[in-house]
Amino acid sequence: MNVTAAAVVWLGVGLALANWCFLTERRFGLLDRSIKPFWFRLIELLVSYLLLLVLGVWLESSMGAIQSQTWNFYAITFLLFLVMAYPGYVWRYLRRRSSGAS
């Protein structure tokens, strides 16, 4: 896999993982419970970020040597992940709900 394809895969999976916790009420996509609290969505977001990091390391190792990273890299990728999660956050918390009565 070349670098461009790996970047497209990483960004696509990152976009899906970032929004997954806001689009479903299932806990970690498995357990069907009542409405998830916001703090649990944040935990799912953090776990999703860690999964995305594992995918990134795997993609990088499949193309060659893994480069060592400092805290700056992880801070920037986490903020990028939060930006990718914004559409799901808006859909869950900021969109106007229809009142049902017209």
N, C-alpha and C. Protein backbone atom coordinates (compact mmCIF):
# COMPACT_ATOMS: atom_id res chain seq x y z
N MET A 1 0.86 -1.17 0.00
CA MET A 1 0.00 0.00 0.00
C MET A 1 0.91 1.24 0.00
N ASN A 2 0.58 2.19 -0.87
CA ASN A 2 1.39 3.40 -0.92
C ASN A 2 0.93 4.40 0.15
N VAL A 3 1.66 5.49 0.28
CA VAL A 3 1.42 6.45 1.35
C VAL A 3 0.07 7.14 1.16
N THR A 4 -0.29 7.48 -0.06
CA THR A 4 -1.55 8.17 -0.30
C THR A 4 -2.74 7.29 0.08
N ALA A 5 -2.71 6.03 -0.32
CA ALA A 5 -3.80 5.12 0.02
C ALA A 5 -3.89 4.91 1.53
N ALA A 6 -2.75 4.81 2.19
CA ALA A 6 -2.75 4.64 3.65
C ALA A 6 -3.34 5.87 4.33
N ALA A 7 -3.02 7.06 3.83
CA ALA A 7 -3.56 8.29 4.43
C ALA A 7 -5.06 8.38 4.22
N VAL A 8 -5.54 7.99 3.05
CA VAL A 8 -6.99 8.01 2.78
C VAL A 8 -7.71 7.01 3.68
N VAL A 9 -7.15 5.82 3.84
CA VAL A 9 -7.75 4.81 4.72
C VAL A 9 -7.76 5.32 6.16
N TRP A 10 -6.64 5.89 6.61
CA TRP A 10 -6.55 6.37 7.98
C TRP A 10 -7.55 7.48 8.24
N LEU A 11 -7.67 8.42 7.33
CA LEU A 11 -8.62 9.53 7.52
C LEU A 11 -10.07 9.05 7.45
N GLY A 12 -10.36 8.12 6.54
CA GLY A 12 -11.73 7.60 6.45
C GLY A 12 -12.15 6.84 7.70
N VAL A 13 -11.27 5.97 8.17
CA VAL A 13 -11.57 5.23 9.39
C VAL A 13 -11.62 6.18 10.59
N GLY A 14 -10.76 7.19 10.59
CA GLY A 14 -10.77 8.17 11.68
C GLY A 14 -12.07 8.95 11.72
N LEU A 15 -12.58 9.33 10.57
CA LEU A 15 -13.85 10.04 10.52
C LEU A 15 -14.99 9.17 11.02
N ALA A 16 -14.98 7.91 10.64
CA ALA A 16 -16.03 6.99 11.10
C ALA A 16 -15.93 6.74 12.60
N LEU A 17 -14.72 6.50 13.10
CA LEU A 17 -14.54 6.25 14.54
C LEU A 17 -14.86 7.48 15.38
N ALA A 18 -14.52 8.65 14.88
CA ALA A 18 -14.76 9.87 15.65
C ALA A 18 -16.24 10.14 15.83
N ASN A 19 -17.04 9.80 14.86
CA ASN A 19 -18.47 10.10 14.93
C ASN A 19 -19.30 8.94 15.45
N TRP A 20 -18.73 7.78 15.56
CA TRP A 20 -19.49 6.59 15.95
C TRP A 20 -20.14 6.75 17.33
N CYS A 21 -19.41 7.30 18.29
CA CYS A 21 -19.94 7.40 19.66
C CYS A 21 -21.10 8.38 19.75
N PHE A 22 -21.22 9.31 18.81
CA PHE A 22 -22.33 10.26 18.83
C PHE A 22 -23.53 9.78 18.04
N LEU A 23 -23.35 8.80 17.18
CA LEU A 23 -24.43 8.37 16.30
C LEU A 23 -25.21 7.18 16.82
N THR A 24 -24.73 6.54 17.87
CA THR A 24 -25.41 5.35 18.38
C THR A 24 -25.59 5.46 19.89
N GLU A 25 -26.60 4.79 20.39
CA GLU A 25 -26.83 4.73 21.84
C GLU A 25 -26.24 3.46 22.45
N ARG A 26 -25.72 2.58 21.63
CA ARG A 26 -25.11 1.36 22.15
C ARG A 26 -23.74 1.68 22.74
N ARG A 27 -23.44 1.10 23.87
CA ARG A 27 -22.16 1.34 24.51
C ARG A 27 -21.09 0.50 23.83
N PHE A 28 -20.09 1.18 23.31
CA PHE A 28 -19.02 0.57 22.51
C PHE A 28 -19.57 -0.19 21.32
N GLY A 29 -20.75 0.16 20.87
CA GLY A 29 -21.35 -0.48 19.71
C GLY A 29 -21.91 -1.86 20.00
N LEU A 30 -21.86 -2.31 21.24
CA LEU A 30 -22.27 -3.68 21.57
C LEU A 30 -23.44 -3.73 22.54
N LEU A 31 -23.33 -3.05 23.65
CA LEU A 31 -24.32 -3.17 24.72
C LEU A 31 -25.45 -2.18 24.51
N ASP A 32 -26.67 -2.68 24.45
CA ASP A 32 -27.83 -1.82 24.26
C ASP A 32 -28.36 -1.42 25.63
N ARG A 33 -28.18 -0.15 25.97
CA ARG A 33 -28.63 0.38 27.25
C ARG A 33 -29.53 1.56 27.01
N SER A 34 -29.90 2.22 28.08
CA SER A 34 -30.66 3.45 27.93
C SER A 34 -29.73 4.54 27.37
N ILE A 35 -30.13 5.76 27.43
CA ILE A 35 -29.36 6.86 26.86
C ILE A 35 -27.98 6.95 27.52
N LYS A 36 -26.95 7.07 26.69
CA LYS A 36 -25.58 7.17 27.20
C LYS A 36 -25.34 8.57 27.73
N PRO A 37 -24.69 8.68 28.88
CA PRO A 37 -24.33 10.02 29.37
C PRO A 37 -23.15 10.57 28.56
N PHE A 38 -22.96 11.89 28.64
CA PHE A 38 -21.90 12.54 27.86
C PHE A 38 -20.52 12.04 28.26
N TRP A 39 -20.28 11.79 29.54
CA TRP A 39 -18.96 11.34 29.97
C TRP A 39 -18.61 9.98 29.36
N PHE A 40 -19.62 9.13 29.15
CA PHE A 40 -19.35 7.84 28.54
C PHE A 40 -19.01 8.01 27.06
N ARG A 41 -19.63 8.98 26.41
CA ARG A 41 -19.29 9.27 25.01
C ARG A 41 -17.84 9.74 24.91
N LEU A 42 -17.37 10.51 25.91
CA LEU A 42 -15.98 10.94 25.90
C LEU A 42 -15.02 9.77 26.07
N ILE A 43 -15.39 8.81 26.91
CA ILE A 43 -14.56 7.61 27.07
C ILE A 43 -14.51 6.83 25.76
N GLU A 44 -15.66 6.69 25.10
CA GLU A 44 -15.68 6.01 23.81
C GLU A 44 -14.85 6.76 22.77
N LEU A 45 -14.87 8.08 22.83
CA LEU A 45 -14.07 8.88 21.91
C LEU A 45 -12.59 8.64 22.14
N LEU A 46 -12.17 8.56 23.39
CA LEU A 46 -10.77 8.30 23.70
C LEU A 46 -10.35 6.89 23.26
N VAL A 47 -11.20 5.91 23.49
CA VAL A 47 -10.90 4.54 23.05
C VAL A 47 -10.83 4.48 21.52
N SER A 48 -11.71 5.20 20.85
CA SER A 48 -11.68 5.25 19.39
C SER A 48 -10.38 5.88 18.89
N TYR A 49 -9.92 6.91 19.58
CA TYR A 49 -8.65 7.54 19.21
C TYR A 49 -7.49 6.55 19.37
N LEU A 50 -7.51 5.80 20.45
CA LEU A 50 -6.45 4.80 20.65
C LEU A 50 -6.49 3.73 19.56
N LEU A 51 -7.69 3.31 19.16
CA LEU A 51 -7.80 2.35 18.06
C LEU A 51 -7.25 2.95 16.76
N LEU A 52 -7.50 4.23 16.54
CA LEU A 52 -6.99 4.89 15.35
C LEU A 52 -5.46 4.97 15.38
N LEU A 53 -4.89 5.19 16.56
CA LEU A 53 -3.43 5.18 16.68
C LEU A 53 -2.85 3.81 16.35
N VAL A 54 -3.51 2.77 16.83
CA VAL A 54 -3.04 1.41 16.54
C VAL A 54 -3.10 1.14 15.03
N LEU A 55 -4.19 1.58 14.39
CA LEU A 55 -4.30 1.43 12.94
C LEU A 55 -3.19 2.20 12.23
N GLY A 56 -2.89 3.41 12.70
CA GLY A 56 -1.83 4.20 12.09
C GLY A 56 -0.47 3.55 12.21
N VAL A 57 -0.18 2.99 13.37
CA VAL A 57 1.10 2.28 13.56
C VAL A 57 1.16 1.06 12.66
N TRP A 58 0.05 0.34 12.53
CA TRP A 58 0.03 -0.84 11.66
C TRP A 58 0.23 -0.44 10.20
N LEU A 59 -0.44 0.62 9.76
CA LEU A 59 -0.26 1.08 8.38
C LEU A 59 1.17 1.55 8.13
N GLU A 60 1.74 2.24 9.10
CA GLU A 60 3.11 2.72 8.95
C GLU A 60 4.10 1.57 8.92
N SER A 61 3.87 0.56 9.75
CA SER A 61 4.79 -0.58 9.75
C SER A 61 4.67 -1.41 8.49
N SER A 62 3.51 -1.40 7.86
CA SER A 62 3.35 -2.16 6.61
C SER A 62 4.08 -1.49 5.45
N MET A 63 4.40 -0.19 5.60
CA MET A 63 5.11 0.52 4.54
C MET A 63 6.61 0.62 4.80
N GLY A 64 7.06 0.33 5.99
CA GLY A 64 8.48 0.42 6.29
C GLY A 64 8.71 0.59 7.78
N ALA A 65 9.77 1.30 8.11
CA ALA A 65 10.15 1.50 9.51
C ALA A 65 9.20 2.47 10.20
N ILE A 66 8.96 2.23 11.47
CA ILE A 66 8.09 3.10 12.27
C ILE A 66 8.94 4.24 12.83
N GLN A 67 8.47 5.46 12.63
CA GLN A 67 9.17 6.64 13.15
C GLN A 67 8.76 6.89 14.59
N SER A 68 9.72 7.29 15.42
CA SER A 68 9.37 7.61 16.81
C SER A 68 8.69 8.98 16.82
N GLN A 69 7.73 9.14 17.72
CA GLN A 69 6.95 10.38 17.80
C GLN A 69 7.07 10.95 19.21
N THR A 70 6.93 12.28 19.29
CA THR A 70 6.94 12.95 20.58
C THR A 70 5.51 13.32 20.96
N TRP A 71 5.35 13.97 22.08
CA TRP A 71 4.01 14.31 22.57
C TRP A 71 3.31 15.26 21.61
N ASN A 72 4.06 16.07 20.85
CA ASN A 72 3.45 17.01 19.91
C ASN A 72 2.60 16.28 18.88
N PHE A 73 3.11 15.17 18.38
CA PHE A 73 2.39 14.39 17.39
C PHE A 73 1.06 13.89 17.95
N TYR A 74 1.07 13.37 19.16
CA TYR A 74 -0.15 12.84 19.75
C TYR A 74 -1.15 13.94 20.09
N ALA A 75 -0.66 15.11 20.51
CA ALA A 75 -1.55 16.23 20.79
C ALA A 75 -2.23 16.71 19.51
N ILE A 76 -1.47 16.83 18.44
CA ILE A 76 -2.04 17.31 17.17
C ILE A 76 -3.01 16.29 16.60
N THR A 77 -2.65 15.00 16.63
CA THR A 77 -3.58 14.01 16.07
C THR A 77 -4.85 13.89 16.92
N PHE A 78 -4.74 14.08 18.23
CA PHE A 78 -5.95 14.05 19.06
C PHE A 78 -6.85 15.24 18.74
N LEU A 79 -6.27 16.41 18.54
CA LEU A 79 -7.07 17.57 18.17
C LEU A 79 -7.69 17.39 16.78
N LEU A 80 -6.96 16.80 15.86
CA LEU A 80 -7.52 16.49 14.55
C LEU A 80 -8.69 15.51 14.70
N PHE A 81 -8.54 14.56 15.59
CA PHE A 81 -9.61 13.60 15.85
C PHE A 81 -10.84 14.29 16.42
N LEU A 82 -10.64 15.27 17.31
CA LEU A 82 -11.77 16.02 17.85
C LEU A 82 -12.46 16.85 16.77
N VAL A 83 -11.70 17.40 15.85
CA VAL A 83 -12.29 18.14 14.74
C VAL A 83 -13.11 17.20 13.87
N MET A 84 -12.61 15.99 13.65
CA MET A 84 -13.37 15.02 12.85
C MET A 84 -14.64 14.58 13.57
N ALA A 85 -14.68 14.68 14.90
CA ALA A 85 -15.85 14.29 15.67
C ALA A 85 -16.90 15.38 15.74
N TYR A 86 -16.60 16.57 15.28
CA TYR A 86 -17.53 17.69 15.41
C TYR A 86 -18.86 17.46 14.69
N PRO A 87 -18.90 16.90 13.47
CA PRO A 87 -20.22 16.66 12.85
C PRO A 87 -21.13 15.76 13.69
N GLY A 88 -20.58 14.73 14.31
CA GLY A 88 -21.38 13.87 15.17
C GLY A 88 -21.86 14.59 16.41
N TYR A 89 -21.01 15.44 16.98
CA TYR A 89 -21.39 16.23 18.15
C TYR A 89 -22.53 17.18 17.80
N VAL A 90 -22.43 17.84 16.66
CA VAL A 90 -23.48 18.75 16.22
C VAL A 90 -24.77 17.99 16.00
N TRP A 91 -24.68 16.82 15.37
CA TRP A 91 -25.88 16.03 15.10
C TRP A 91 -26.54 15.59 16.40
N ARG A 92 -25.75 15.22 17.39
CA ARG A 92 -26.30 14.72 18.64
C ARG A 92 -26.83 15.83 19.55
N TYR A 93 -26.09 16.92 19.69
CA TYR A 93 -26.41 17.90 20.73
C TYR A 93 -26.89 19.26 20.23
N LEU A 94 -26.55 19.67 19.03
CA LEU A 94 -26.84 21.03 18.62
C LEU A 94 -27.94 21.17 17.57
N ARG A 95 -28.31 20.10 16.90
CA ARG A 95 -29.34 20.24 15.87
C ARG A 95 -30.71 20.43 16.54
N ARG A 96 -31.56 21.15 15.85
CA ARG A 96 -32.90 21.39 16.37
C ARG A 96 -33.77 20.17 16.12
N ARG A 97 -34.47 19.79 17.11
CA ARG A 97 -35.39 18.66 16.98
C ARG A 97 -36.74 19.19 16.53
N SER A 98 -37.43 18.41 15.70
CA SER A 98 -38.77 18.84 15.32
C SER A 98 -39.71 18.66 16.50
N SER A 99 -40.62 19.59 16.66
CA SER A 99 -41.50 19.56 17.83
C SER A 99 -42.59 18.49 17.71
N GLY A 100 -42.80 17.98 16.51
CA GLY A 100 -43.82 16.94 16.33
C GLY A 100 -45.19 17.50 16.01
N ALA A 101 -45.46 18.69 16.48
CA ALA A 101 -46.76 19.34 16.19
C ALA A 101 -46.52 20.48 15.21
N SER A 102 -47.24 20.47 14.08
CA SER A 102 -47.05 21.53 13.11
C SER A 102 -48.22 22.47 13.08
